Amino acid sequence: MSFKPENWNVDLTKHRNKFFVGSGLSIIVGIVLLFTMGLNLGVDFESGSNVEIQTDETLTTEQIIADFEAIEIDNDYTPSVTLGGERSQNASARFVDEFNQQEIAIIQSYFNQEYGFEPNISTVSPLVGEELARNAILSVLIASIGIVIYVALRFHFLYGISAIIGLLHDAFIIIALFSLLQIEINVPFIAAVLTVVGYSINDTIVTFDRMRENVLKEKEITSSEHLAQIVNKSLLQVITRSINTVLTVLFAALALFIFGGEAIRSFSLALVIGLVAGTYSSMFLCAQMWLVWEWKRQVKLKNKPPKEPEEEYI
């Protein structure tokens, strides 16, 4: 057997219905997760306060909660504490209350005296949280619309529709897994989703470009099997490039996730999930959907009655 994938006797289009069912089930499971478990929105998108504590000693959740109970501020809510660092020397305490300037000063003074480090405190009002969430959704929608227009103009409208479904699929898979794992969603998460959207559309365009090139080489598409062979040949021609590209970026994203700080943990994890989902959708979702829709369009054009010549009037 040749080591060139295009010479392999592998049919990637034969199981397209299984790919459709698998993606559909993933979407359904994701919707159920969103309605049952919801999203763990960070302070960036919800009103509240976040206190980031850094020390040279090992911290525990109980210790941080006890510290806040000892601070004389008007707050009855027990914070949600997340520990970080190799020896848990960093902690992040999240409150649903929005601290005022006096409370912020009291908290900073207490931890400065106890641990010798002044914590970083960020607060978000309800209006700012709503605006950030709205702008995040709007940015993804604008990027998606721009991508559809670009792909439709460069290729064909069906390519654009397939591409946008793939992009929405990738973004939703990331959101669903974050809902399942209850990882905090913040601004870096949105940056990761937009990064994945850019990577995914790049991979999809490379695949579509090879498909269009091979279709143009054929004088006529005689059957659905013929079109499927063309698509399968195109996928095998780009599969090595797609795998090598995703592995290169994936290694960097994994390094960020393992060795990066807590602040970029959600960003790097979203990248890892999105890169895998993007490679899958480009080859096993977008290309397969285009195959089905393009053949239906071909059949419709072939069955379309010829246009009657207009009568000439003297």
Protein backbone atom coordinates (compact mmCIF):
# COMPACT_ATOMS: atom_id res chain seq x y z
CA MET A 1 0.00 0.00 0.00
CA SER A 2 1.24 3.48 -0.87
CA PHE A 3 1.97 5.85 1.99
CA LYS A 4 0.15 8.61 0.12
CA PRO A 5 -3.36 8.88 1.60
CA GLU A 6 -4.93 9.63 -1.81
CA ASN A 7 -3.87 6.14 -2.93
CA TRP A 8 -5.44 4.42 0.06
CA ASN A 9 -8.52 2.30 -0.53
CA VAL A 10 -10.50 4.14 2.15
CA ASP A 11 -13.99 5.56 1.67
CA LEU A 12 -14.56 8.49 4.03
CA THR A 13 -17.94 9.35 2.50
CA LYS A 14 -19.56 5.93 2.86
CA HIS A 15 -20.36 6.47 6.53
CA ARG A 16 -21.57 10.07 6.21
CA ASN A 17 -24.98 9.23 7.71
CA LYS A 18 -23.21 7.93 10.82
CA PHE A 19 -21.29 11.20 11.04
CA PHE A 20 -24.55 13.15 10.76
CA VAL A 21 -26.20 11.03 13.47
CA GLY A 22 -23.17 11.34 15.76
CA SER A 23 -23.06 15.11 15.40
CA GLY A 24 -26.82 15.35 15.86
CA LEU A 25 -26.72 13.31 19.06
CA SER A 26 -23.85 15.47 20.35
CA ILE A 27 -25.94 18.59 19.75
CA ILE A 28 -28.96 17.07 21.52
CA VAL A 29 -26.85 16.04 24.52
CA GLY A 30 -25.34 19.53 24.59
CA ILE A 31 -28.77 21.18 24.60
CA VAL A 32 -29.85 18.92 27.49
CA LEU A 33 -26.71 19.86 29.43
CA LEU A 34 -27.30 23.58 28.88
CA PHE A 35 -30.91 23.32 30.12
CA THR A 36 -30.08 21.10 33.11
CA MET A 37 -26.60 22.13 34.26
CA GLY A 38 -26.31 25.54 32.63
CA LEU A 39 -23.08 27.49 32.23
CA ASN A 40 -20.68 28.49 34.96
CA LEU A 41 -20.46 32.16 34.00
CA GLY A 42 -17.55 34.04 35.49
CA VAL A 43 -17.55 37.50 36.95
CA ASP A 44 -16.85 38.83 33.44
CA PHE A 45 -20.43 38.02 32.43
CA GLU A 46 -22.28 38.18 35.73
CA SER A 47 -22.37 40.83 38.41
CA GLY A 48 -20.12 40.15 41.37
CA SER A 49 -16.57 40.36 42.62
CA ASN A 50 -13.50 38.21 42.17
CA VAL A 51 -10.59 38.24 44.63
CA GLU A 52 -7.28 36.78 43.39
CA ILE A 53 -4.93 35.88 46.25
CA GLN A 54 -1.22 35.07 45.83
CA THR A 55 1.01 33.79 48.62
CA ASP A 56 4.21 31.84 49.20
CA GLU A 57 2.46 29.19 51.29
CA THR A 58 0.00 26.39 50.55
CA LEU A 59 -3.63 27.48 50.80
CA THR A 60 -6.80 25.50 51.40
CA THR A 61 -10.41 26.28 50.55
CA GLU A 62 -11.38 26.17 54.24
CA GLN A 63 -8.59 28.60 55.09
CA ILE A 64 -9.70 31.16 52.49
CA ILE A 65 -13.34 30.91 53.60
CA ALA A 66 -12.27 31.40 57.21
CA ASP A 67 -10.26 34.47 56.22
CA PHE A 68 -13.27 36.10 54.58
CA GLU A 69 -15.44 35.25 57.58
CA ALA A 70 -12.91 37.08 59.76
CA ILE A 71 -13.06 40.20 57.58
CA GLU A 72 -15.66 42.68 58.79
CA ILE A 73 -17.58 43.41 55.62
CA ASP A 74 -21.30 43.33 54.93
CA ASN A 75 -21.39 40.01 53.06
CA ASP A 76 -23.17 36.82 54.11
CA TYR A 77 -22.38 34.85 50.95
CA THR A 78 -19.78 32.07 51.15
CA PRO A 79 -17.36 32.56 48.24
CA SER A 80 -16.64 29.99 45.57
CA VAL A 81 -12.93 29.26 45.95
CA THR A 82 -10.63 27.89 43.24
CA LEU A 83 -7.02 26.96 44.10
CA GLY A 84 -4.13 27.14 41.65
CA GLY A 85 -0.38 26.81 41.39
CA GLU A 86 1.88 23.82 41.93
CA ARG A 87 1.48 23.98 45.73
CA SER A 88 -1.94 25.67 45.76
CA GLN A 89 -0.31 28.98 46.63
CA ASN A 90 -2.82 30.91 44.53
CA ALA A 91 -6.55 31.20 45.18
CA SER A 92 -9.49 32.85 43.47
CA ALA A 93 -12.57 33.68 45.53
CA ARG A 94 -15.75 34.59 43.68
CA PHE A 95 -18.62 36.54 45.26
CA VAL A 96 -22.05 37.36 43.88
CA ASP A 97 -21.93 40.73 45.64
CA GLU A 98 -20.34 43.79 44.11
CA PHE A 99 -17.81 45.20 46.60
CA ASN A 100 -17.61 48.95 47.10
CA GLN A 101 -14.34 50.86 47.42
CA GLN A 102 -14.35 50.68 51.23
CA GLU A 103 -14.83 46.90 51.25
CA ILE A 104 -12.09 46.48 48.65
CA ALA A 105 -9.69 48.48 50.81
CA ILE A 106 -10.55 46.37 53.89
CA ILE A 107 -9.99 43.08 52.03
CA GLN A 108 -6.68 44.22 50.54
CA SER A 109 -5.45 45.45 53.92
CA TYR A 110 -6.38 42.15 55.65
CA PHE A 111 -4.62 39.85 53.17
CA ASN A 112 -1.62 42.18 52.98
CA GLN A 113 -1.21 41.83 56.75
CA GLU A 114 -1.88 38.07 56.82
CA TYR A 115 0.13 36.91 53.79
CA GLY A 116 2.25 39.88 52.77
CA PHE A 117 0.57 40.15 49.38
CA GLU A 118 -2.19 42.51 48.31
CA PRO A 119 -4.93 40.65 46.40
CA ASN A 120 -6.22 41.76 43.02
CA ILE A 121 -9.96 42.50 43.21
CA SER A 122 -12.20 42.94 40.19
CA THR A 123 -15.87 43.84 40.29
CA VAL A 124 -18.52 43.83 37.55
CA SER A 125 -21.91 45.51 37.79
CA PRO A 126 -25.05 43.81 36.38
CA LEU A 127 -25.20 46.24 33.45
CA VAL A 128 -21.56 45.68 32.51
CA GLY A 129 -21.98 41.89 32.75
CA GLU A 130 -25.01 41.95 30.46
CA GLU A 131 -23.19 44.19 27.97
CA LEU A 132 -20.15 41.91 27.89
CA ALA A 133 -22.31 38.83 27.32
CA ARG A 134 -24.25 40.60 24.57
CA ASN A 135 -21.06 41.82 22.87
CA ALA A 136 -19.52 38.33 23.07
CA ILE A 137 -22.52 36.76 21.31
CA LEU A 138 -22.60 39.59 18.78
CA SER A 139 -18.90 39.17 17.96
CA VAL A 140 -19.38 35.46 17.21
CA LEU A 141 -22.44 36.20 15.03
CA ILE A 142 -20.67 38.94 13.06
CA ALA A 143 -17.65 36.69 12.50
CA SER A 144 -19.94 33.86 11.33
CA ILE A 145 -21.88 36.07 8.92
CA GLY A 146 -18.66 37.48 7.46
CA ILE A 147 -17.31 33.97 6.95
CA VAL A 148 -20.49 32.81 5.18
CA ILE A 149 -20.37 35.77 2.81
CA TYR A 150 -16.70 35.20 2.05
CA VAL A 151 -17.05 31.46 1.43
CA ALA A 152 -20.22 31.94 -0.64
CA LEU A 153 -18.51 34.51 -2.87
CA ARG A 154 -15.31 32.53 -3.27
CA PHE A 155 -16.95 29.16 -3.82
CA HIS A 156 -20.71 28.64 -3.90
CA PHE A 157 -23.63 29.30 -1.58
CA LEU A 158 -23.81 25.63 -0.53
CA TYR A 159 -20.17 25.77 0.55
CA GLY A 160 -21.00 28.77 2.75
CA ILE A 161 -23.98 27.07 4.41
CA SER A 162 -21.93 23.93 5.08
CA ALA A 163 -19.09 26.00 6.53
CA ILE A 164 -21.30 27.98 8.93
CA ILE A 165 -23.00 24.81 10.20
CA GLY A 166 -19.55 23.38 10.87
CA LEU A 167 -18.49 26.52 12.74
CA LEU A 168 -21.63 26.54 14.88
CA HIS A 169 -21.10 22.83 15.55
CA ASP A 170 -17.53 23.46 16.77
CA ALA A 171 -18.52 26.39 18.99
CA PHE A 172 -21.45 24.47 20.47
CA ILE A 173 -19.30 21.41 21.26
CA ILE A 174 -16.94 23.66 23.25
CA ILE A 175 -19.85 25.26 25.13
CA ALA A 176 -21.47 21.88 25.84
CA LEU A 177 -18.28 20.37 27.28
CA PHE A 178 -17.70 23.46 29.42
CA SER A 179 -21.27 23.05 30.70
CA LEU A 180 -20.60 19.37 31.48
CA LEU A 181 -17.33 20.12 33.28
CA GLN A 182 -18.74 23.32 34.86
CA ILE A 183 -15.59 25.26 33.98
CA GLU A 184 -15.88 29.00 34.40
CA ILE A 185 -16.61 30.93 31.22
CA ASN A 186 -14.81 34.25 30.96
CA VAL A 187 -13.45 36.67 28.37
CA PRO A 188 -10.45 34.42 27.44
CA PHE A 189 -13.00 31.68 26.66
CA ILE A 190 -14.65 33.93 24.06
CA ALA A 191 -11.22 34.68 22.60
CA ALA A 192 -10.60 30.93 22.32
CA VAL A 193 -13.93 30.35 20.54
CA LEU A 194 -13.12 33.07 18.00
CA THR A 195 -9.66 31.57 17.53
CA VAL A 196 -11.19 28.15 16.87
CA VAL A 197 -13.65 29.70 14.41
CA GLY A 198 -10.74 31.20 12.46
CA TYR A 199 -8.77 27.94 12.49
CA SER A 200 -11.78 25.83 11.55
CA ILE A 201 -12.77 27.97 8.57
CA ASN A 202 -9.18 27.93 7.33
CA ASP A 203 -9.13 24.13 7.41
CA THR A 204 -12.58 23.98 5.78
CA ILE A 205 -11.56 26.35 2.97
CA VAL A 206 -8.49 24.22 2.18
CA THR A 207 -10.74 21.15 1.96
CA PHE A 208 -13.36 22.96 -0.15
CA ASP A 209 -10.69 24.33 -2.49
CA ARG A 210 -9.42 20.83 -3.25
CA MET A 211 -12.99 19.57 -3.72
CA ARG A 212 -13.80 22.35 -6.18
CA GLU A 213 -10.57 21.75 -8.06
CA ASN A 214 -11.33 18.05 -8.49
CA VAL A 215 -14.96 18.71 -9.46
CA LEU A 216 -13.87 21.12 -12.20
CA LYS A 217 -11.60 18.44 -13.65
CA GLU A 218 -14.64 16.27 -14.34
CA LYS A 219 -16.62 17.02 -17.49
CA GLU A 220 -19.85 15.73 -15.99
CA ILE A 221 -21.04 14.33 -12.66
CA THR A 222 -22.89 11.18 -13.68
CA SER A 223 -24.12 9.87 -10.32
CA SER A 224 -24.08 10.44 -6.58
CA GLU A 225 -21.42 7.73 -6.29
CA HIS A 226 -19.30 9.62 -8.81
CA LEU A 227 -19.57 12.83 -6.77
CA ALA A 228 -18.83 10.89 -3.58
CA GLN A 229 -15.65 9.50 -5.16
CA ILE A 230 -14.51 13.02 -6.00
CA VAL A 231 -15.16 14.24 -2.46
CA ASN A 232 -13.46 11.19 -0.96
CA LYS A 233 -10.42 11.69 -3.19
CA SER A 234 -10.25 15.35 -2.11
CA LEU A 235 -10.46 14.45 1.58
CA LEU A 236 -7.69 11.88 1.27
CA GLN A 237 -5.51 14.46 -0.49
CA VAL A 238 -5.80 16.98 2.37
CA ILE A 239 -6.07 14.65 5.37
CA THR A 240 -2.30 14.56 6.00
CA ARG A 241 -2.08 18.35 5.88
CA SER A 242 -5.07 18.70 8.24
CA ILE A 243 -3.72 16.23 10.79
CA ASN A 244 -0.21 17.72 10.76
CA THR A 245 -1.58 21.24 11.17
CA VAL A 246 -3.92 20.38 14.03
CA LEU A 247 -1.24 18.39 15.86
CA THR A 248 1.18 21.32 15.67
CA VAL A 249 -1.35 23.74 17.17
CA LEU A 250 -2.69 21.10 19.56
CA PHE A 251 0.71 20.53 21.16
CA ALA A 252 1.01 24.26 21.84
CA ALA A 253 -2.52 24.40 23.29
CA LEU A 254 -1.84 21.38 25.52
CA ALA A 255 1.38 22.99 26.75
CA LEU A 256 -0.59 26.12 27.66
CA PHE A 257 -3.20 24.02 29.46
CA ILE A 258 -0.66 21.98 31.45
CA PHE A 259 1.95 24.62 32.25
CA GLY A 260 -0.04 27.83 31.89
CA GLY A 261 -1.56 29.67 34.79
CA GLU A 262 -5.12 29.48 36.04
CA ALA A 263 -6.00 32.68 34.16
CA ILE A 264 -5.57 31.02 30.76
CA ARG A 265 -6.74 27.54 31.73
CA SER A 266 -10.20 27.99 30.17
CA PHE A 267 -8.64 29.55 27.04
CA SER A 268 -6.25 26.65 26.44
CA LEU A 269 -8.86 23.96 27.18
CA ALA A 270 -11.35 25.57 24.81
CA LEU A 271 -8.61 25.61 22.16
CA VAL A 272 -7.87 21.91 22.64
CA ILE A 273 -11.55 20.95 22.34
CA GLY A 274 -12.18 23.31 19.43
CA LEU A 275 -9.16 22.18 17.41
CA VAL A 276 -10.24 18.55 17.55
CA ALA A 277 -13.87 19.44 16.79
CA GLY A 278 -12.79 21.75 13.94
CA THR A 279 -10.73 19.08 12.20
CA TYR A 280 -13.60 16.61 12.53
CA SER A 281 -16.23 19.02 11.21
CA SER A 282 -14.15 20.13 8.21
CA MET A 283 -13.75 16.61 6.86
CA PHE A 284 -16.62 14.59 8.25
CA LEU A 285 -19.40 17.15 8.51
CA CYS A 286 -18.99 20.14 6.17
CA ALA A 287 -17.68 18.16 3.19
CA GLN A 288 -20.29 15.42 3.69
CA MET A 289 -23.17 17.92 3.92
CA TRP A 290 -21.98 19.63 0.75
CA LEU A 291 -21.88 16.25 -1.00
CA VAL A 292 -25.53 15.53 -0.16
CA TRP A 293 -26.79 19.02 -1.02
CA GLU A 294 -24.72 19.37 -4.19
CA TRP A 295 -26.04 16.12 -5.62
CA LYS A 296 -29.62 17.22 -4.89
CA ARG A 297 -28.86 20.46 -6.72
CA GLN A 298 -27.40 18.53 -9.65
CA VAL A 299 -30.51 16.34 -9.86
CA LYS A 300 -32.75 19.40 -9.71
CA LEU A 301 -30.84 21.05 -12.54
CA LYS A 302 -30.98 17.90 -14.68
CA ASN A 303 -34.73 17.50 -14.13
CA LYS A 304 -35.45 21.15 -14.81
CA PRO A 305 -37.40 21.47 -18.05
CA PRO A 306 -35.56 23.31 -20.79
CA LYS A 307 -36.47 26.92 -21.20
CA GLU A 308 -38.80 27.44 -24.15
CA PRO A 309 -37.53 29.85 -26.76
CA GLU A 310 -39.30 33.16 -26.82
CA GLU A 311 -41.59 33.74 -29.77
CA GLU A 312 -40.60 36.46 -32.13
CA TYR A 313 -43.22 39.00 -33.01
CA ILE A 314 -43.01 40.97 -36.17
